[in-house]
Amino acid sequence: MEEKELKRLEELSNKLFEMSQSLRTESLSHKDESLATVANIIMLISGIMTNKSDLSKVADLLAMFSAKKILDSTMISNLNFDFEDDGVDDEDDDI
């Protein structure tokens, strides 16, 4: 990595870290666990920005997670849960 590129990534990393600190402070004052999690994720990204190998691994993990969420969503939407009209008279249909 070139010196100029590394310096720019370090500057951006510092900005992201500052943002994560602000979000963390806000999350504590509002007792917002979701915002605290976002702050932690941004902090993680700020810490690995200058390491291409780590950044690539995290990007791969996020891509796999996204693919799984899409696959799960697609599979659920394709299932047919029409139990009331299954042609069988079950006493449990009223549950």
PDB file of N, CA and C in Angstrom:
ATOM      1  N   MET A   1       0.849  -1.171   0.000  1.00  0.00           N
ATOM      2  CA  MET A   1       0.000   0.000   0.000  1.00  0.00           C
ATOM      3  C   MET A   1       0.901   1.242   0.000  1.00  0.00           C
ATOM      4  N   GLU A   2       0.559   2.186  -0.841  1.00  0.00           N
ATOM      5  CA  GLU A   2       1.340   3.407  -0.931  1.00  0.00           C
ATOM      6  C   GLU A   2       1.186   4.243   0.336  1.00  0.00           C
ATOM      7  N   GLU A   3       2.201   5.039   0.607  1.00  0.00           N
ATOM      8  CA  GLU A   3       2.195   5.897   1.793  1.00  0.00           C
ATOM      9  C   GLU A   3       1.002   6.860   1.780  1.00  0.00           C
ATOM     10  N   LYS A   4       0.720   7.443   0.610  1.00  0.00           N
ATOM     11  CA  LYS A   4      -0.382   8.395   0.486  1.00  0.00           C
ATOM     12  C   LYS A   4      -1.726   7.710   0.752  1.00  0.00           C
ATOM     13  N   GLU A   5      -1.885   6.511   0.193  1.00  0.00           N
ATOM     14  CA  GLU A   5      -3.123   5.752   0.396  1.00  0.00           C
ATOM     15  C   GLU A   5      -3.277   5.351   1.854  1.00  0.00           C
ATOM     16  N   LEU A   6      -2.201   4.909   2.467  1.00  0.00           N
ATOM     17  CA  LEU A   6      -2.232   4.512   3.871  1.00  0.00           C
ATOM     18  C   LEU A   6      -2.594   5.697   4.758  1.00  0.00           C
ATOM     19  N   LYS A   7      -2.023   6.841   4.482  1.00  0.00           N
ATOM     20  CA  LYS A   7      -2.320   8.036   5.273  1.00  0.00           C
ATOM     21  C   LYS A   7      -3.801   8.395   5.160  1.00  0.00           C
ATOM     22  N   ARG A   8      -4.346   8.336   3.946  1.00  0.00           N
ATOM     23  CA  ARG A   8      -5.764   8.650   3.750  1.00  0.00           C
ATOM     24  C   ARG A   8      -6.649   7.653   4.483  1.00  0.00           C
ATOM     25  N   LEU A   9      -6.312   6.383   4.425  1.00  0.00           N
ATOM     26  CA  LEU A   9      -7.095   5.371   5.149  1.00  0.00           C
ATOM     27  C   LEU A   9      -7.031   5.590   6.652  1.00  0.00           C
ATOM     28  N   GLU A  10      -5.878   5.987   7.157  1.00  0.00           N
ATOM     29  CA  GLU A  10      -5.744   6.274   8.587  1.00  0.00           C
ATOM     30  C   GLU A  10      -6.611   7.460   8.992  1.00  0.00           C
ATOM     31  N   GLU A  11      -6.671   8.487   8.124  1.00  0.00           N
ATOM     32  CA  GLU A  11      -7.525   9.640   8.405  1.00  0.00           C
ATOM     33  C   GLU A  11      -9.002   9.227   8.442  1.00  0.00           C
ATOM     34  N   LEU A  12      -9.404   8.451   7.467  1.00  0.00           N
ATOM     35  CA  LEU A  12     -10.787   7.974   7.432  1.00  0.00           C
ATOM     36  C   LEU A  12     -11.089   7.065   8.617  1.00  0.00           C
ATOM     37  N   SER A  13     -10.131   6.235   8.968  1.00  0.00           N
ATOM     38  CA  SER A  13     -10.281   5.355  10.114  1.00  0.00           C
ATOM     39  C   SER A  13     -10.507   6.157  11.386  1.00  0.00           C
ATOM     40  N   ASN A  14      -9.747   7.219  11.546  1.00  0.00           N
ATOM     41  CA  ASN A  14      -9.908   8.077  12.727  1.00  0.00           C
ATOM     42  C   ASN A  14     -11.280   8.734  12.753  1.00  0.00           C
ATOM     43  N   LYS A  15     -11.767   9.167  11.590  1.00  0.00           N
ATOM     44  CA  LYS A  15     -13.095   9.777  11.520  1.00  0.00           C
ATOM     45  C   LYS A  15     -14.182   8.769  11.897  1.00  0.00           C
ATOM     46  N   LEU A  16     -14.055   7.556  11.377  1.00  0.00           N
ATOM     47  CA  LEU A  16     -15.028   6.513  11.729  1.00  0.00           C
ATOM     48  C   LEU A  16     -14.974   6.189  13.222  1.00  0.00           C
ATOM     49  N   PHE A  17     -13.759   6.164  13.768  1.00  0.00           N
ATOM     50  CA  PHE A  17     -13.624   5.881  15.199  1.00  0.00           C
ATOM     51  C   PHE A  17     -14.295   6.969  16.030  1.00  0.00           C
ATOM     52  N   GLU A  18     -14.100   8.219  15.648  1.00  0.00           N
ATOM     53  CA  GLU A  18     -14.753   9.329  16.350  1.00  0.00           C
ATOM     54  C   GLU A  18     -16.269   9.220  16.248  1.00  0.00           C
ATOM     55  N   MET A  19     -16.760   8.853  15.056  1.00  0.00           N
ATOM     56  CA  MET A  19     -18.196   8.673  14.873  1.00  0.00           C
ATOM     57  C   MET A  19     -18.708   7.556  15.775  1.00  0.00           C
ATOM     58  N   SER A  20     -17.967   6.469  15.848  1.00  0.00           N
ATOM     59  CA  SER A  20     -18.400   5.347  16.689  1.00  0.00           C
ATOM     60  C   SER A  20     -18.435   5.750  18.161  1.00  0.00           C
ATOM     61  N   GLN A  21     -17.484   6.570  18.583  1.00  0.00           N
ATOM     62  CA  GLN A  21     -17.490   7.040  19.970  1.00  0.00           C
ATOM     63  C   GLN A  21     -18.723   7.903  20.250  1.00  0.00           C
ATOM     64  N   SER A  22     -19.064   8.773  19.318  1.00  0.00           N
ATOM     65  CA  SER A  22     -20.253   9.624  19.478  1.00  0.00           C
ATOM     66  C   SER A  22     -21.523   8.782  19.538  1.00  0.00           C
ATOM     67  N   LEU A  23     -21.608   7.803  18.650  1.00  0.00           N
ATOM     68  CA  LEU A  23     -22.781   6.922  18.654  1.00  0.00           C
ATOM     69  C   LEU A  23     -22.853   6.109  19.937  1.00  0.00           C
ATOM     70  N   ARG A  24     -21.715   5.677  20.414  1.00  0.00           N
ATOM     71  CA  ARG A  24     -21.670   4.899  21.661  1.00  0.00           C
ATOM     72  C   ARG A  24     -22.163   5.743  22.835  1.00  0.00           C
ATOM     73  N   THR A  25     -21.706   6.994  22.886  1.00  0.00           N
ATOM     74  CA  THR A  25     -22.147   7.906  23.945  1.00  0.00           C
ATOM     75  C   THR A  25     -23.650   8.123  23.880  1.00  0.00           C
ATOM     76  N   GLU A  26     -24.159   8.346  22.666  1.00  0.00           N
ATOM     77  CA  GLU A  26     -25.601   8.532  22.500  1.00  0.00           C
ATOM     78  C   GLU A  26     -26.370   7.276  22.874  1.00  0.00           C
ATOM     79  N   SER A  27     -25.836   6.127  22.512  1.00  0.00           N
ATOM     80  CA  SER A  27     -26.526   4.876  22.837  1.00  0.00           C
ATOM     81  C   SER A  27     -26.619   4.659  24.349  1.00  0.00           C
ATOM     82  N   LEU A  28     -25.580   5.062  25.062  1.00  0.00           N
ATOM     83  CA  LEU A  28     -25.603   4.925  26.520  1.00  0.00           C
ATOM     84  C   LEU A  28     -26.612   5.878  27.149  1.00  0.00           C
ATOM     85  N   SER A  29     -26.681   7.105  26.633  1.00  0.00           N
ATOM     86  CA  SER A  29     -27.604   8.079  27.218  1.00  0.00           C
ATOM     87  C   SER A  29     -29.061   7.735  26.929  1.00  0.00           C
ATOM     88  N   HIS A  30     -29.317   7.031  25.829  1.00  0.00           N
ATOM     89  CA  HIS A  30     -30.687   6.641  25.477  1.00  0.00           C
ATOM     90  C   HIS A  30     -30.972   5.167  25.763  1.00  0.00           C
ATOM     91  N   LYS A  31     -29.998   4.484  26.329  1.00  0.00           N
ATOM     92  CA  LYS A  31     -30.131   3.050  26.612  1.00  0.00           C
ATOM     93  C   LYS A  31     -30.606   2.287  25.375  1.00  0.00           C
ATOM     94  N   ASP A  32     -29.929   2.553  24.244  1.00  0.00           N
ATOM     95  CA  ASP A  32     -30.282   1.982  22.953  1.00  0.00           C
ATOM     96  C   ASP A  32     -29.232   0.941  22.552  1.00  0.00           C
ATOM     97  N   GLU A  33     -29.575  -0.334  22.747  1.00  0.00           N
ATOM     98  CA  GLU A  33     -28.629  -1.414  22.456  1.00  0.00           C
ATOM     99  C   GLU A  33     -28.338  -1.547  20.963  1.00  0.00           C
ATOM    100  N   SER A  34     -29.316  -1.268  20.122  1.00  0.00           N
ATOM    101  CA  SER A  34     -29.098  -1.353  18.676  1.00  0.00           C
ATOM    102  C   SER A  34     -28.073  -0.322  18.223  1.00  0.00           C
ATOM    103  N   LEU A  35     -28.184   0.880  18.730  1.00  0.00           N
ATOM    104  CA  LEU A  35     -27.233   1.929  18.381  1.00  0.00           C
ATOM    105  C   LEU A  35     -25.843   1.593  18.910  1.00  0.00           C
ATOM    106  N   ALA A  36     -25.774   0.978  20.080  1.00  0.00           N
ATOM    107  CA  ALA A  36     -24.478   0.555  20.631  1.00  0.00           C
ATOM    108  C   ALA A  36     -23.832  -0.497  19.734  1.00  0.00           C
ATOM    109  N   THR A  37     -24.642  -1.390  19.200  1.00  0.00           N
ATOM    110  CA  THR A  37     -24.124  -2.416  18.296  1.00  0.00           C
ATOM    111  C   THR A  37     -23.594  -1.781  17.006  1.00  0.00           C
ATOM    112  N   VAL A  38     -24.333  -0.829  16.469  1.00  0.00           N
ATOM    113  CA  VAL A  38     -23.874  -0.122  15.270  1.00  0.00           C
ATOM    114  C   VAL A  38     -22.556   0.593  15.556  1.00  0.00           C
ATOM    115  N   ALA A  39     -22.455   1.221  16.718  1.00  0.00           N
ATOM    116  CA  ALA A  39     -21.215   1.895  17.109  1.00  0.00           C
ATOM    117  C   ALA A  39     -20.056   0.909  17.164  1.00  0.00           C
ATOM    118  N   ASN A  40     -20.301  -0.270  17.706  1.00  0.00           N
ATOM    119  CA  ASN A  40     -19.250  -1.294  17.783  1.00  0.00           C
ATOM    120  C   ASN A  40     -18.829  -1.780  16.400  1.00  0.00           C
ATOM    121  N   ILE A  41     -19.788  -1.915  15.505  1.00  0.00           N
ATOM    122  CA  ILE A  41     -19.470  -2.355  14.143  1.00  0.00           C
ATOM    123  C   ILE A  41     -18.626  -1.300  13.431  1.00  0.00           C
ATOM    124  N   ILE A  42     -19.010  -0.044  13.577  1.00  0.00           N
ATOM    125  CA  ILE A  42     -18.227   1.033  12.961  1.00  0.00           C
ATOM    126  C   ILE A  42     -16.825   1.075  13.557  1.00  0.00           C
ATOM    127  N   MET A  43     -16.725   0.839  14.856  1.00  0.00           N
ATOM    128  CA  MET A  43     -15.411   0.808  15.501  1.00  0.00           C
ATOM    129  C   MET A  43     -14.557  -0.332  14.945  1.00  0.00           C
ATOM    130  N   LEU A  44     -15.178  -1.480  14.731  1.00  0.00           N
ATOM    131  CA  LEU A  44     -14.465  -2.611  14.138  1.00  0.00           C
ATOM    132  C   LEU A  44     -13.938  -2.247  12.761  1.00  0.00           C
ATOM    133  N   ILE A  45     -14.794  -1.663  11.944  1.00  0.00           N
ATOM    134  CA  ILE A  45     -14.386  -1.285  10.587  1.00  0.00           C
ATOM    135  C   ILE A  45     -13.248  -0.272  10.637  1.00  0.00           C
ATOM    136  N   SER A  46     -13.341   0.680  11.552  1.00  0.00           N
ATOM    137  CA  SER A  46     -12.272   1.681  11.646  1.00  0.00           C
ATOM    138  C   SER A  46     -10.941   1.036  12.024  1.00  0.00           C
ATOM    139  N   GLY A  47     -11.002  -0.036  12.768  1.00  0.00           N
ATOM    140  CA  GLY A  47      -9.782  -0.709  13.210  1.00  0.00           C
ATOM    141  C   GLY A  47      -9.131  -1.592  12.164  1.00  0.00           C
ATOM    142  N   ILE A  48      -9.891  -1.991  11.151  1.00  0.00           N
ATOM    143  CA  ILE A  48      -9.326  -2.906  10.150  1.00  0.00           C
ATOM    144  C   ILE A  48      -9.156  -2.261   8.777  1.00  0.00           C
ATOM    145  N   MET A  49      -9.494  -0.991   8.655  1.00  0.00           N
ATOM    146  CA  MET A  49      -9.439  -0.323   7.349  1.00  0.00           C
ATOM    147  C   MET A  49      -8.068  -0.374   6.690  1.00  0.00           C
ATOM    148  N   THR A  50      -7.019  -0.341   7.470  1.00  0.00           N
ATOM    149  CA  THR A  50      -5.678  -0.292   6.880  1.00  0.00           C
ATOM    150  C   THR A  50      -5.089  -1.676   6.649  1.00  0.00           C
ATOM    151  N   ASN A  51      -5.824  -2.717   7.021  1.00  0.00           N
ATOM    152  CA  ASN A  51      -5.342  -4.080   6.836  1.00  0.00           C
ATOM    153  C   ASN A  51      -6.214  -4.764   5.779  1.00  0.00           C
ATOM    154  N   LYS A  52      -5.715  -4.848   4.560  1.00  0.00           N
ATOM    155  CA  LYS A  52      -6.512  -5.385   3.449  1.00  0.00           C
ATOM    156  C   LYS A  52      -6.968  -6.817   3.697  1.00  0.00           C
ATOM    157  N   SER A  53      -6.130  -7.618   4.327  1.00  0.00           N
ATOM    158  CA  SER A  53      -6.482  -9.013   4.591  1.00  0.00           C
ATOM    159  C   SER A  53      -7.665  -9.100   5.555  1.00  0.00           C
ATOM    160  N   ASP A  54      -7.599  -8.367   6.660  1.00  0.00           N
ATOM    161  CA  ASP A  54      -8.703  -8.369   7.626  1.00  0.00           C
ATOM    162  C   ASP A  54      -9.971  -7.800   7.017  1.00  0.00           C
ATOM    163  N   LEU A  55      -9.823  -6.727   6.259  1.00  0.00           N
ATOM    164  CA  LEU A  55     -10.975  -6.100   5.626  1.00  0.00           C
ATOM    165  C   LEU A  55     -11.641  -7.071   4.646  1.00  0.00           C
ATOM    166  N   SER A  56     -10.841  -7.802   3.911  1.00  0.00           N
ATOM    167  CA  SER A  56     -11.364  -8.783   2.966  1.00  0.00           C
ATOM    168  C   SER A  56     -12.109  -9.907   3.688  1.00  0.00           C
ATOM    169  N   LYS A  57     -11.560 -10.367   4.808  1.00  0.00           N
ATOM    170  CA  LYS A  57     -12.224 -11.437   5.573  1.00  0.00           C
ATOM    171  C   LYS A  57     -13.573 -10.980   6.116  1.00  0.00           C
ATOM    172  N   VAL A  58     -13.621  -9.765   6.653  1.00  0.00           N
ATOM    173  CA  VAL A  58     -14.882  -9.243   7.184  1.00  0.00           C
ATOM    174  C   VAL A  58     -15.886  -9.041   6.048  1.00  0.00           C
ATOM    175  N   ALA A  59     -15.419  -8.546   4.911  1.00  0.00           N
ATOM    176  CA  ALA A  59     -16.299  -8.370   3.757  1.00  0.00           C
ATOM    177  C   ALA A  59     -16.878  -9.717   3.309  1.00  0.00           C
ATOM    178  N   ASP A  60     -16.055 -10.765   3.315  1.00  0.00           N
ATOM    179  CA  ASP A  60     -16.532 -12.104   2.951  1.00  0.00           C
ATOM    180  C   ASP A  60     -17.577 -12.603   3.943  1.00  0.00           C
ATOM    181  N   LEU A  61     -17.338 -12.384   5.227  1.00  0.00           N
ATOM    182  CA  LEU A  61     -18.303 -12.801   6.255  1.00  0.00           C
ATOM    183  C   LEU A  61     -19.636 -12.073   6.083  1.00  0.00           C
ATOM    184  N   LEU A  62     -19.564 -10.784   5.825  1.00  0.00           N
ATOM    185  CA  LEU A  62     -20.789 -10.008   5.632  1.00  0.00           C
ATOM    186  C   LEU A  62     -21.531 -10.448   4.367  1.00  0.00           C
ATOM    187  N   ALA A  63     -20.794 -10.758   3.326  1.00  0.00           N
ATOM    188  CA  ALA A  63     -21.419 -11.242   2.096  1.00  0.00           C
ATOM    189  C   ALA A  63     -22.117 -12.583   2.334  1.00  0.00           C
ATOM    190  N   MET A  64     -21.470 -13.472   3.077  1.00  0.00           N
ATOM    191  CA  MET A  64     -22.086 -14.767   3.387  1.00  0.00           C
ATOM    192  C   MET A  64     -23.339 -14.582   4.239  1.00  0.00           C
ATOM    193  N   PHE A  65     -23.280 -13.672   5.206  1.00  0.00           N
ATOM    194  CA  PHE A  65     -24.433 -13.400   6.057  1.00  0.00           C
ATOM    195  C   PHE A  65     -25.593 -12.860   5.222  1.00  0.00           C
ATOM    196  N   SER A  66     -25.288 -11.910   4.336  1.00  0.00           N
ATOM    197  CA  SER A  66     -26.322 -11.341   3.471  1.00  0.00           C
ATOM    198  C   SER A  66     -26.931 -12.402   2.562  1.00  0.00           C
ATOM    199  N   ALA A  67     -26.096 -13.241   1.991  1.00  0.00           N
ATOM    200  CA  ALA A  67     -26.594 -14.310   1.122  1.00  0.00           C
ATOM    201  C   ALA A  67     -27.507 -15.254   1.887  1.00  0.00           C
ATOM    202  N   LYS A  68     -27.147 -15.585   3.115  1.00  0.00           N
ATOM    203  CA  LYS A  68     -27.980 -16.466   3.938  1.00  0.00           C
ATOM    204  C   LYS A  68     -29.323 -15.823   4.241  1.00  0.00           C
ATOM    205  N   LYS A  69     -29.316 -14.526   4.583  1.00  0.00           N
ATOM    206  CA  LYS A  69     -30.569 -13.829   4.869  1.00  0.00           C
ATOM    207  C   LYS A  69     -31.476 -13.823   3.637  1.00  0.00           C
ATOM    208  N   ILE A  70     -30.903 -13.584   2.467  1.00  0.00           N
ATOM    209  CA  ILE A  70     -31.687 -13.581   1.231  1.00  0.00           C
ATOM    210  C   ILE A  70     -32.236 -14.973   0.951  1.00  0.00           C
ATOM    211  N   LEU A  71     -31.398 -15.985   1.114  1.00  0.00           N
ATOM    212  CA  LEU A  71     -31.832 -17.359   0.884  1.00  0.00           C
ATOM    213  C   LEU A  71     -32.934 -17.748   1.853  1.00  0.00           C
ATOM    214  N   ASP A  72     -32.766 -17.432   3.133  1.00  0.00           N
ATOM    215  CA  ASP A  72     -33.794 -17.741   4.124  1.00  0.00           C
ATOM    216  C   ASP A  72     -35.114 -17.055   3.780  1.00  0.00           C
ATOM    217  N   SER A  73     -35.041 -15.801   3.390  1.00  0.00           N
ATOM    218  CA  SER A  73     -36.235 -15.042   3.047  1.00  0.00           C
ATOM    219  C   SER A  73     -36.928 -15.647   1.830  1.00  0.00           C
ATOM    220  N   THR A  74     -36.152 -16.041   0.851  1.00  0.00           N
ATOM    221  CA  THR A  74     -36.707 -16.633  -0.359  1.00  0.00           C
ATOM    222  C   THR A  74     -37.360 -17.979  -0.057  1.00  0.00           C
ATOM    223  N   MET A  75     -36.704 -18.776   0.767  1.00  0.00           N
ATOM    224  CA  MET A  75     -37.249 -20.098   1.091  1.00  0.00           C
ATOM    225  C   MET A  75     -38.551 -19.972   1.864  1.00  0.00           C
ATOM    226  N   ILE A  76     -38.622 -19.057   2.804  1.00  0.00           N
ATOM    227  CA  ILE A  76     -39.827 -18.884   3.609  1.00  0.00           C
ATOM    228  C   ILE A  76     -40.977 -18.398   2.737  1.00  0.00           C
ATOM    229  N   SER A  77     -40.690 -17.457   1.825  1.00  0.00           N
ATOM    230  CA  SER A  77     -41.762 -16.929   0.984  1.00  0.00           C
ATOM    231  C   SER A  77     -42.261 -17.968  -0.023  1.00  0.00           C
ATOM    232  N   ASN A  78     -41.458 -18.971  -0.322  1.00  0.00           N
ATOM    233  CA  ASN A  78     -41.872 -20.009  -1.269  1.00  0.00           C
ATOM    234  C   ASN A  78     -42.637 -21.151  -0.612  1.00  0.00           C
ATOM    235  N   LEU A  79     -42.651 -21.212   0.707  1.00  0.00           N
ATOM    236  CA  LEU A  79     -43.384 -22.272   1.400  1.00  0.00           C
ATOM    237  C   LEU A  79     -44.874 -21.975   1.381  1.00  0.00           C
ATOM    238  N   ASN A  80     -45.652 -23.023   1.305  1.00  0.00           N
ATOM    239  CA  ASN A  80     -47.101 -22.866   1.317  1.00  0.00           C
ATOM    240  C   ASN A  80     -47.621 -23.410   2.634  1.00  0.00           C
ATOM    241  N   PHE A  81     -48.154 -22.522   3.466  1.00  0.00           N
ATOM    242  CA  PHE A  81     -48.643 -22.920   4.774  1.00  0.00           C
ATOM    243  C   PHE A  81     -50.171 -22.970   4.807  1.00  0.00           C
ATOM    244  N   ASP A  82     -50.785 -23.475   3.777  1.00  0.00           N
ATOM    245  CA  ASP A  82     -52.239 -23.531   3.704  1.00  0.00           C
ATOM    246  C   ASP A  82     -52.722 -24.816   4.358  1.00  0.00           C
ATOM    247  N   PHE A  83     -52.767 -24.816   5.696  1.00  0.00           N
ATOM    248  CA  PHE A  83     -53.157 -26.008   6.436  1.00  0.00           C
ATOM    249  C   PHE A  83     -54.670 -26.177   6.519  1.00  0.00           C
ATOM    250  N   GLU A  84     -55.420 -25.092   6.356  1.00  0.00           N
ATOM    251  CA  GLU A  84     -56.862 -25.189   6.504  1.00  0.00           C
ATOM    252  C   GLU A  84     -57.507 -25.951   5.351  1.00  0.00           C
ATOM    253  N   ASP A  85     -56.915 -25.908   4.195  1.00  0.00           N
ATOM    254  CA  ASP A  85     -57.503 -26.561   3.026  1.00  0.00           C
ATOM    255  C   ASP A  85     -56.606 -27.698   2.540  1.00  0.00           C
ATOM    256  N   ASP A  86     -56.217 -28.575   3.466  1.00  0.00           N
ATOM    257  CA  ASP A  86     -55.325 -29.663   3.090  1.00  0.00           C
ATOM    258  C   ASP A  86     -56.080 -30.927   2.695  1.00  0.00           C
ATOM    259  N   GLY A  87     -57.406 -30.864   2.695  1.00  0.00           N
ATOM    260  CA  GLY A  87     -58.199 -32.003   2.281  1.00  0.00           C
ATOM    261  C   GLY A  87     -58.384 -33.055   3.360  1.00  0.00           C
ATOM    262  N   VAL A  88     -57.804 -32.829   4.531  1.00  0.00           N
ATOM    263  CA  VAL A  88     -57.921 -33.776   5.620  1.00  0.00           C
ATOM    264  C   VAL A  88     -58.682 -33.104   6.756  1.00  0.00           C
ATOM    265  N   ASP A  89     -59.647 -33.830   7.318  1.00  0.00           N
ATOM    266  CA  ASP A  89     -60.441 -33.284   8.409  1.00  0.00           C
ATOM    267  C   ASP A  89     -59.731 -33.575   9.737  1.00  0.00           C
ATOM    268  N   ASP A  90     -58.938 -32.616  10.175  1.00  0.00           N
ATOM    269  CA  ASP A  90     -58.224 -32.768  11.438  1.00  0.00           C
ATOM    270  C   ASP A  90     -58.894 -31.938  12.513  1.00  0.00           C
ATOM    271  N   GLU A  91     -58.966 -32.508  13.718  1.00  0.00           N
ATOM    272  CA  GLU A  91     -59.519 -31.765  14.845  1.00  0.00           C
ATOM    273  C   GLU A  91     -58.589 -30.631  15.251  1.00  0.00           C
ATOM    274  N   ASP A  92     -57.297 -30.754  14.943  1.00  0.00           N
ATOM    275  CA  ASP A  92     -56.304 -29.755  15.362  1.00  0.00           C
ATOM    276  C   ASP A  92     -56.303 -28.515  14.479  1.00  0.00           C
ATOM    277  N   ASP A  93     -57.104 -28.488  13.394  1.00  0.00           N
ATOM    278  CA  ASP A  93     -57.120 -27.333  12.494  1.00  0.00           C
ATOM    279  C   ASP A  93     -57.593 -26.066  13.193  1.00  0.00           C
ATOM    280  N   ASP A  94     -58.352 -26.215  14.272  1.00  0.00           N
ATOM    281  CA  ASP A  94     -58.912 -25.049  14.976  1.00  0.00           C
ATOM    282  C   ASP A  94     -57.937 -24.435  15.965  1.00  0.00           C
ATOM    283  N   ILE A  95     -56.767 -24.971  16.095  1.00  0.00           N
ATOM    284  CA  ILE A  95     -55.803 -24.468  17.090  1.00  0.00           C
ATOM    285  C   ILE A  95     -55.242 -23.157  16.667  1.00  0.00           C
TER     286      ILE A  95
END
